[in-house]
PDB file of N, CA and C in Angstrom:
ATOM      1  N   MET A   1     119.837 231.084 130.740  1.00  0.00           N
ATOM      2  CA  MET A   1     118.746 230.156 130.968  1.00  0.00           C
ATOM      3  C   MET A   1     117.729 230.855 131.860  1.00  0.00           C
ATOM      4  N   ILE A   2     116.475 230.782 131.469  1.00  0.00           N
ATOM      5  CA  ILE A   2     115.397 231.432 132.213  1.00  0.00           C
ATOM      6  C   ILE A   2     114.616 230.372 132.978  1.00  0.00           C
ATOM      7  N   VAL A   3     114.405 230.608 134.274  1.00  0.00           N
ATOM      8  CA  VAL A   3     113.693 229.685 135.141  1.00  0.00           C
ATOM      9  C   VAL A   3     112.493 230.409 135.716  1.00  0.00           C
ATOM     10  N   GLY A   4     111.329 229.772 135.701  1.00  0.00           N
ATOM     11  CA  GLY A   4     110.149 230.385 136.314  1.00  0.00           C
ATOM     12  C   GLY A   4     108.884 230.078 135.562  1.00  0.00           C
ATOM     13  N   GLU A   5     108.094 231.107 135.352  1.00  0.00           N
ATOM     14  CA  GLU A   5     106.819 230.945 134.673  1.00  0.00           C
ATOM     15  C   GLU A   5     106.767 231.858 133.463  1.00  0.00           C
ATOM     16  N   PRO A   6     105.919 231.550 132.478  1.00  0.00           N
ATOM     17  CA  PRO A   6     105.825 232.399 131.299  1.00  0.00           C
ATOM     18  C   PRO A   6     105.352 233.803 131.671  1.00  0.00           C
ATOM     19  N   THR A   7     105.834 234.775 130.923  1.00  0.00           N
ATOM     20  CA  THR A   7     105.349 236.136 131.115  1.00  0.00           C
ATOM     21  C   THR A   7     104.194 236.381 130.148  1.00  0.00           C
ATOM     22  N   VAL A   8     103.406 237.383 130.436  1.00  0.00           N
ATOM     23  CA  VAL A   8     102.258 237.681 129.573  1.00  0.00           C
ATOM     24  C   VAL A   8     102.648 238.541 128.390  1.00  0.00           C
ATOM     25  N   GLY A   9     103.815 239.093 128.416  1.00  0.00           N
ATOM     26  CA  GLY A   9     104.285 239.906 127.307  1.00  0.00           C
ATOM     27  C   GLY A   9     103.912 241.365 127.478  1.00  0.00           C
ATOM     28  N   ALA A  10     104.780 242.193 127.052  1.00  0.00           N
ATOM     29  CA  ALA A  10     104.547 243.632 127.097  1.00  0.00           C
ATOM     30  C   ALA A  10     105.385 244.283 126.022  1.00  0.00           C
ATOM     31  N   GLY A  11     105.414 243.662 124.871  1.00  0.00           N
ATOM     32  CA  GLY A  11     106.344 244.072 123.842  1.00  0.00           C
ATOM     33  C   GLY A  11     105.949 245.269 123.024  1.00  0.00           C
ATOM     34  N   CYS A  12     105.079 246.071 123.542  1.00  0.00           N
ATOM     35  CA  CYS A  12     104.740 247.292 122.823  1.00  0.00           C
ATOM     36  C   CYS A  12     105.451 248.447 123.478  1.00  0.00           C
ATOM     37  N   GLY A  13     105.733 249.419 122.699  1.00  0.00           N
ATOM     38  CA  GLY A  13     106.416 250.578 123.245  1.00  0.00           C
ATOM     39  C   GLY A  13     105.872 251.855 122.666  1.00  0.00           C
ATOM     40  N   HIS A  14     106.432 252.938 123.118  1.00  0.00           N
ATOM     41  CA  HIS A  14     106.007 254.258 122.685  1.00  0.00           C
ATOM     42  C   HIS A  14     107.204 254.981 122.075  1.00  0.00           C
ATOM     43  N   THR A  15     106.998 255.544 120.928  1.00  0.00           N
ATOM     44  CA  THR A  15     108.015 256.415 120.354  1.00  0.00           C
ATOM     45  C   THR A  15     107.468 257.830 120.425  1.00  0.00           C
ATOM     46  N   ASP A  16     108.220 258.715 120.971  1.00  0.00           N
ATOM     47  CA  ASP A  16     107.787 260.112 121.121  1.00  0.00           C
ATOM     48  C   ASP A  16     106.439 260.224 121.813  1.00  0.00           C
ATOM     49  N   GLY A  17     106.215 259.403 122.841  1.00  0.00           N
ATOM     50  CA  GLY A  17     104.982 259.509 123.625  1.00  0.00           C
ATOM     51  C   GLY A  17     103.825 258.672 123.135  1.00  0.00           C
ATOM     52  N   GLY A  18     103.998 257.872 122.125  1.00  0.00           N
ATOM     53  CA  GLY A  18     102.915 257.021 121.636  1.00  0.00           C
ATOM     54  C   GLY A  18     102.010 257.750 120.658  1.00  0.00           C
ATOM     55  N   THR A  19     100.888 257.116 120.360  1.00  0.00           N
ATOM     56  CA  THR A  19      99.922 257.682 119.442  1.00  0.00           C
ATOM     57  C   THR A  19      98.689 258.086 120.228  1.00  0.00           C
ATOM     58  N   PRO A  20      98.445 259.395 120.424  1.00  0.00           N
ATOM     59  CA  PRO A  20      97.256 259.812 121.170  1.00  0.00           C
ATOM     60  C   PRO A  20      95.986 259.409 120.419  1.00  0.00           C
ATOM     61  N   THR A  21      95.075 258.751 121.113  1.00  0.00           N
ATOM     62  CA  THR A  21      93.818 258.304 120.530  1.00  0.00           C
ATOM     63  C   THR A  21      92.679 258.793 121.405  1.00  0.00           C
ATOM     64  N   THR A  22      91.717 259.479 120.803  1.00  0.00           N
ATOM     65  CA  THR A  22      90.576 260.016 121.548  1.00  0.00           C
ATOM     66  C   THR A  22      89.390 259.073 121.405  1.00  0.00           C
ATOM     67  N   LEU A  23      88.814 258.655 122.537  1.00  0.00           N
ATOM     68  CA  LEU A  23      87.643 257.785 122.533  1.00  0.00           C
ATOM     69  C   LEU A  23      86.410 258.600 122.146  1.00  0.00           C
ATOM     70  N   LYS A  24      85.535 258.003 121.318  1.00  0.00           N
ATOM     71  CA  LYS A  24      84.366 258.723 120.793  1.00  0.00           C
ATOM     72  C   LYS A  24      83.430 259.235 121.877  1.00  0.00           C
ATOM     73  N   ASN A  25      82.979 258.350 122.747  1.00  0.00           N
ATOM     74  CA  ASN A  25      81.923 258.721 123.695  1.00  0.00           C
ATOM     75  C   ASN A  25      82.419 259.571 124.852  1.00  0.00           C
ATOM     76  N   SER A  26      83.530 259.202 125.448  1.00  0.00           N
ATOM     77  CA  SER A  26      83.985 259.914 126.637  1.00  0.00           C
ATOM     78  C   SER A  26      84.947 261.052 126.313  1.00  0.00           C
ATOM     79  N   ARG A  27      85.478 261.068 125.112  1.00  0.00           N
ATOM     80  CA  ARG A  27      86.482 262.045 124.682  1.00  0.00           C
ATOM     81  C   ARG A  27      87.794 261.913 125.461  1.00  0.00           C
ATOM     82  N   ALA A  28      87.941 260.806 126.192  1.00  0.00           N
ATOM     83  CA  ALA A  28      89.182 260.552 126.915  1.00  0.00           C
ATOM     84  C   ALA A  28      90.290 260.297 125.901  1.00  0.00           C
ATOM     85  N   VAL A  29      91.480 260.746 126.216  1.00  0.00           N
ATOM     86  CA  VAL A  29      92.614 260.565 125.319  1.00  0.00           C
ATOM     87  C   VAL A  29      93.537 259.496 125.907  1.00  0.00           C
ATOM     88  N   LEU A  30      93.811 258.473 125.116  1.00  0.00           N
ATOM     89  CA  LEU A  30      94.714 257.390 125.515  1.00  0.00           C
ATOM     90  C   LEU A  30      96.007 257.509 124.737  1.00  0.00           C
ATOM     91  N   SER A  31      97.077 257.110 125.368  1.00  0.00           N
ATOM     92  CA  SER A  31      98.345 257.027 124.669  1.00  0.00           C
ATOM     93  C   SER A  31      98.535 255.571 124.265  1.00  0.00           C
ATOM     94  N   VAL A  32      98.343 255.278 123.002  1.00  0.00           N
ATOM     95  CA  VAL A  32      98.383 253.908 122.496  1.00  0.00           C
ATOM     96  C   VAL A  32      99.796 253.585 122.019  1.00  0.00           C
ATOM     97  N   PRO A  33     100.325 252.423 122.399  1.00  0.00           N
ATOM     98  CA  PRO A  33     101.661 252.036 121.926  1.00  0.00           C
ATOM     99  C   PRO A  33     101.708 252.032 120.401  1.00  0.00           C
ATOM    100  N   ASP A  34     102.839 252.414 119.858  1.00  0.00           N
ATOM    101  CA  ASP A  34     102.943 252.505 118.405  1.00  0.00           C
ATOM    102  C   ASP A  34     104.134 251.747 117.825  1.00  0.00           C
ATOM    103  N   CYS A  35     104.677 250.818 118.584  1.00  0.00           N
ATOM    104  CA  CYS A  35     105.749 249.998 118.032  1.00  0.00           C
ATOM    105  C   CYS A  35     105.802 248.677 118.788  1.00  0.00           C
ATOM    106  N   ALA A  36     106.449 247.710 118.194  1.00  0.00           N
ATOM    107  CA  ALA A  36     106.672 246.413 118.847  1.00  0.00           C
ATOM    108  C   ALA A  36     108.170 246.181 118.895  1.00  0.00           C
ATOM    109  N   ARG A  37     108.627 245.556 119.970  1.00  0.00           N
ATOM    110  CA  ARG A  37     110.048 245.274 120.103  1.00  0.00           C
ATOM    111  C   ARG A  37     110.316 243.825 119.700  1.00  0.00           C
ATOM    112  N   PHE A  38     111.401 243.630 119.015  1.00  0.00           N
ATOM    113  CA  PHE A  38     111.793 242.302 118.579  1.00  0.00           C
ATOM    114  C   PHE A  38     113.116 241.924 119.215  1.00  0.00           C
ATOM    115  N   ARG A  39     113.233 240.638 119.553  1.00  0.00           N
ATOM    116  CA  ARG A  39     114.467 240.123 120.127  1.00  0.00           C
ATOM    117  C   ARG A  39     115.450 239.785 119.012  1.00  0.00           C
ATOM    118  N   ALA A  40     116.676 239.490 119.395  1.00  0.00           N
ATOM    119  CA  ALA A  40     117.719 239.145 118.428  1.00  0.00           C
ATOM    120  C   ALA A  40     117.335 237.927 117.592  1.00  0.00           C
ATOM    121  N   ASP A  41     116.547 237.002 118.176  1.00  0.00           N
ATOM    122  CA  ASP A  41     116.162 235.797 117.425  1.00  0.00           C
ATOM    123  C   ASP A  41     114.959 236.036 116.511  1.00  0.00           C
ATOM    124  N   GLY A  42     114.441 237.273 116.476  1.00  0.00           N
ATOM    125  CA  GLY A  42     113.326 237.604 115.597  1.00  0.00           C
ATOM    126  C   GLY A  42     111.956 237.477 116.236  1.00  0.00           C
ATOM    127  N   SER A  43     111.866 236.912 117.439  1.00  0.00           N
ATOM    128  CA  SER A  43     110.566 236.784 118.098  1.00  0.00           C
ATOM    129  C   SER A  43     110.120 238.132 118.653  1.00  0.00           C
ATOM    130  N   ASN A  44     108.825 238.275 118.839  1.00  0.00           N
ATOM    131  CA  ASN A  44     108.236 239.522 119.286  1.00  0.00           C
ATOM    132  C   ASN A  44     107.916 239.428 120.765  1.00  0.00           C
ATOM    133  N   GLU A  45     108.245 240.452 121.527  1.00  0.00           N
ATOM    134  CA  GLU A  45     108.007 240.444 122.960  1.00  0.00           C
ATOM    135  C   GLU A  45     106.530 240.444 123.328  1.00  0.00           C
ATOM    136  N   VAL A  46     105.648 240.756 122.388  1.00  0.00           N
ATOM    137  CA  VAL A  46     104.217 240.784 122.681  1.00  0.00           C
ATOM    138  C   VAL A  46     103.752 239.409 123.169  1.00  0.00           C
ATOM    139  N   ARG A  47     104.357 238.364 122.678  1.00  0.00           N
ATOM    140  CA  ARG A  47     103.969 237.008 123.065  1.00  0.00           C
ATOM    141  C   ARG A  47     104.501 236.616 124.427  1.00  0.00           C
ATOM    142  N   GLY A  48     105.340 237.400 125.026  1.00  0.00           N
ATOM    143  CA  GLY A  48     105.899 237.058 126.329  1.00  0.00           C
ATOM    144  C   GLY A  48     107.109 236.163 126.199  1.00  0.00           C
ATOM    145  N   ILE A  49     107.604 235.724 127.333  1.00  0.00           N
ATOM    146  CA  ILE A  49     108.805 234.892 127.370  1.00  0.00           C
ATOM    147  C   ILE A  49     108.454 233.548 127.983  1.00  0.00           C
ATOM    148  N   ARG A  50     108.859 232.488 127.324  1.00  0.00           N
ATOM    149  CA  ARG A  50     108.688 231.147 127.866  1.00  0.00           C
ATOM    150  C   ARG A  50     110.013 230.750 128.510  1.00  0.00           C
ATOM    151  N   PRO A  51     109.961 230.344 129.763  1.00  0.00           N
ATOM    152  CA  PRO A  51     111.217 229.970 130.428  1.00  0.00           C
ATOM    153  C   PRO A  51     111.776 228.657 129.885  1.00  0.00           C
ATOM    154  N   ASP A  52     113.089 228.504 130.010  1.00  0.00           N
ATOM    155  CA  ASP A  52     113.730 227.248 129.630  1.00  0.00           C
ATOM    156  C   ASP A  52     113.332 226.138 130.600  1.00  0.00           C
ATOM    157  N   VAL A  53     113.192 226.510 131.871  1.00  0.00           N
ATOM    158  CA  VAL A  53     112.762 225.567 132.903  1.00  0.00           C
ATOM    159  C   VAL A  53     111.486 226.131 133.516  1.00  0.00           C
ATOM    160  N   LEU A  54     110.381 225.457 133.257  1.00  0.00           N
ATOM    161  CA  LEU A  54     109.076 225.920 133.724  1.00  0.00           C
ATOM    162  C   LEU A  54     108.826 225.467 135.155  1.00  0.00           C
ATOM    163  N   ILE A  55     108.444 226.413 135.999  1.00  0.00           N
ATOM    164  CA  ILE A  55     108.009 226.086 137.351  1.00  0.00           C
ATOM    165  C   ILE A  55     106.536 226.458 137.414  1.00  0.00           C
ATOM    166  N   GLY A  56     105.689 225.486 137.695  1.00  0.00           N
ATOM    167  CA  GLY A  56     104.245 225.694 137.663  1.00  0.00           C
ATOM    168  C   GLY A  56     103.685 226.344 138.911  1.00  0.00           C
ATOM    169  N   TRP A  57     104.024 227.602 139.123  1.00  0.00           N
ATOM    170  CA  TRP A  57     103.487 228.307 140.272  1.00  0.00           C
ATOM    171  C   TRP A  57     102.013 228.611 140.070  1.00  0.00           C
ATOM    172  N   ARG A  58     101.299 228.705 141.182  1.00  0.00           N
ATOM    173  CA  ARG A  58      99.894 229.097 141.156  1.00  0.00           C
ATOM    174  C   ARG A  58      99.762 230.485 141.759  1.00  0.00           C
ATOM    175  N   LYS A  59      98.680 231.159 141.460  1.00  0.00           N
ATOM    176  CA  LYS A  59      98.474 232.516 141.972  1.00  0.00           C
ATOM    177  C   LYS A  59      98.540 232.570 143.486  1.00  0.00           C
ATOM    178  N   MET A  60      98.059 231.517 144.136  1.00  0.00           N
ATOM    179  CA  MET A  60      98.003 231.539 145.601  1.00  0.00           C
ATOM    180  C   MET A  60      99.328 231.170 146.263  1.00  0.00           C
ATOM    181  N   ASP A  61     100.325 230.756 145.481  1.00  0.00           N
ATOM    182  CA  ASP A  61     101.625 230.407 146.057  1.00  0.00           C
ATOM    183  C   ASP A  61     102.329 231.664 146.535  1.00  0.00           C
ATOM    184  N   GLY A  62     102.708 231.657 147.800  1.00  0.00           N
ATOM    185  CA  GLY A  62     103.399 232.798 148.381  1.00  0.00           C
ATOM    186  C   GLY A  62     104.891 232.744 148.104  1.00  0.00           C
ATOM    187  N   PRO A  63     105.615 233.746 148.581  1.00  0.00           N
ATOM    188  CA  PRO A  63     107.058 233.808 148.343  1.00  0.00           C
ATOM    189  C   PRO A  63     107.807 232.587 148.883  1.00  0.00           C
ATOM    190  N   GLY A  64     107.384 232.067 150.031  1.00  0.00           N
ATOM    191  CA  GLY A  64     108.052 230.896 150.604  1.00  0.00           C
ATOM    192  C   GLY A  64     107.923 229.681 149.709  1.00  0.00           C
ATOM    193  N   ARG A  65     106.725 229.445 149.225  1.00  0.00           N
ATOM    194  CA  ARG A  65     106.478 228.303 148.336  1.00  0.00           C
ATOM    195  C   ARG A  65     107.239 228.469 147.029  1.00  0.00           C
ATOM    196  N   ARG A  66     107.240 229.679 146.503  1.00  0.00           N
ATOM    197  CA  ARG A  66     107.954 229.924 145.251  1.00  0.00           C
ATOM    198  C   ARG A  66     109.454 229.707 145.429  1.00  0.00           C
ATOM    199  N   ALA A  67     109.995 230.154 146.551  1.00  0.00           N
ATOM    200  CA  ALA A  67     111.413 229.956 146.826  1.00  0.00           C
ATOM    201  C   ALA A  67     111.732 228.468 146.960  1.00  0.00           C
ATOM    202  N   GLU A  68     110.854 227.738 147.618  1.00  0.00           N
ATOM    203  CA  GLU A  68     111.054 226.290 147.768  1.00  0.00           C
ATOM    204  C   GLU A  68     111.038 225.601 146.411  1.00  0.00           C
ATOM    205  N   ASP A  69     110.063 225.925 145.574  1.00  0.00           N
ATOM    206  CA  ASP A  69     109.983 225.336 144.232  1.00  0.00           C
ATOM    207  C   ASP A  69     111.215 225.673 143.398  1.00  0.00           C
ATOM    208  N   PHE A  70     111.650 226.928 143.498  1.00  0.00           N
ATOM    209  CA  PHE A  70     112.837 227.354 142.756  1.00  0.00           C
ATOM    210  C   PHE A  70     114.064 226.593 143.246  1.00  0.00           C
ATOM    211  N   GLY A  71     114.189 226.446 144.568  1.00  0.00           N
ATOM    212  CA  GLY A  71     115.313 225.709 145.142  1.00  0.00           C
ATOM    213  C   GLY A  71     115.350 224.266 144.682  1.00  0.00           C
ATOM    214  N   GLN A  72     114.178 223.655 144.523  1.00  0.00           N
ATOM    215  CA  GLN A  72     114.126 222.273 144.053  1.00  0.00           C
ATOM    216  C   GLN A  72     114.526 222.160 142.582  1.00  0.00           C
ATOM    217  N   ALA A  73     114.211 223.184 141.801  1.00  0.00           N
ATOM    218  CA  ALA A  73     114.540 223.166 140.370  1.00  0.00           C
ATOM    219  C   ALA A  73     116.004 223.525 140.113  1.00  0.00           C
ATOM    220  N   LEU A  74     116.621 224.235 141.033  1.00  0.00           N
ATOM    221  CA  LEU A  74     117.956 224.779 140.817  1.00  0.00           C
ATOM    222  C   LEU A  74     119.029 223.742 140.490  1.00  0.00           C
ATOM    223  N   PRO A  75     119.110 222.599 141.163  1.00  0.00           N
ATOM    224  CA  PRO A  75     120.164 221.634 140.805  1.00  0.00           C
ATOM    225  C   PRO A  75     120.100 221.182 139.347  1.00  0.00           C
ATOM    226  N   SER A  76     118.907 220.952 138.820  1.00  0.00           N
ATOM    227  CA  SER A  76     118.811 220.532 137.418  1.00  0.00           C
ATOM    228  C   SER A  76     119.160 221.673 136.469  1.00  0.00           C
ATOM    229  N   VAL A  77     118.867 222.903 136.872  1.00  0.00           N
ATOM    230  CA  VAL A  77     119.224 224.065 136.061  1.00  0.00           C
ATOM    231  C   VAL A  77     120.740 224.215 136.002  1.00  0.00           C
ATOM    232  N   VAL A  78     121.388 224.091 137.140  1.00  0.00           N
ATOM    233  CA  VAL A  78     122.854 224.203 137.189  1.00  0.00           C
ATOM    234  C   VAL A  78     123.486 223.096 136.355  1.00  0.00           C
ATOM    235  N   ALA A  79     122.969 221.877 136.472  1.00  0.00           N
ATOM    236  CA  ALA A  79     123.502 220.758 135.689  1.00  0.00           C
ATOM    237  C   ALA A  79     123.342 221.015 134.189  1.00  0.00           C
ATOM    238  N   ALA A  80     122.199 221.549 133.790  1.00  0.00           N
ATOM    239  CA  ALA A  80     121.959 221.853 132.382  1.00  0.00           C
ATOM    240  C   ALA A  80     122.915 222.931 131.881  1.00  0.00           C
ATOM    241  N   MET A  81     123.158 223.934 132.715  1.00  0.00           N
ATOM    242  CA  MET A  81     124.084 225.006 132.322  1.00  0.00           C
ATOM    243  C   MET A  81     125.504 224.484 132.189  1.00  0.00           C
ATOM    244  N   ILE A  82     125.924 223.631 133.092  1.00  0.00           N
ATOM    245  CA  ILE A  82     127.273 223.046 133.012  1.00  0.00           C
ATOM    246  C   ILE A  82     127.380 222.200 131.761  1.00  0.00           C
ATOM    247  N   SER A  83     126.332 221.450 131.468  1.00  0.00           N
ATOM    248  CA  SER A  83     126.316 220.603 130.277  1.00  0.00           C
ATOM    249  C   SER A  83     126.420 221.454 129.011  1.00  0.00           C
ATOM    250  N   ARG A  84     125.732 222.574 128.987  1.00  0.00           N
ATOM    251  CA  ARG A  84     125.829 223.471 127.815  1.00  0.00           C
ATOM    252  C   ARG A  84     127.228 224.026 127.654  1.00  0.00           C
ATOM    253  N   GLN A  85     127.846 224.398 128.762  1.00  0.00           N
ATOM    254  CA  GLN A  85     129.169 224.996 128.716  1.00  0.00           C
ATOM    255  C   GLN A  85     130.234 224.000 128.273  1.00  0.00           C
ATOM    256  N   THR A  86     130.095 222.747 128.718  1.00  0.00           N
ATOM    257  CA  THR A  86     131.106 221.749 128.402  1.00  0.00           C
ATOM    258  C   THR A  86     130.807 220.985 127.119  1.00  0.00           C
ATOM    259  N   GLY A  87     129.586 221.127 126.608  1.00  0.00           N
ATOM    260  CA  GLY A  87     129.216 220.410 125.392  1.00  0.00           C
ATOM    261  C   GLY A  87     128.855 218.966 125.643  1.00  0.00           C
ATOM    262  N   ASN A  88     128.681 218.571 126.898  1.00  0.00           N
ATOM    263  CA  ASN A  88     128.307 217.204 127.238  1.00  0.00           C
ATOM    264  C   ASN A  88     126.803 217.119 127.440  1.00  0.00           C
ATOM    265  N   PRO A  89     126.119 216.248 126.705  1.00  0.00           N
ATOM    266  CA  PRO A  89     124.661 216.135 126.869  1.00  0.00           C
ATOM    267  C   PRO A  89     124.255 215.516 128.193  1.00  0.00           C
TER     268      PRO A  89
END
């Protein structure tokens, strides 16, 4: 079970160093990802991960606030996990 906020995704990868791409104007060479990773369920990591339990953190929330929010969500997460394990809704 994943608790927190959605990730932005980073499901691209490099095989053998990626695909070198030269920009026209600056002649700078970029290493562009050349593959996408897929999870066992068939979804693509490029879309990111949606948590099972969403905690609506804001950019300005510091570590203390995030820990407090997580602590408040934890009892329901534990209850949900126990329910999954025992098969009781």
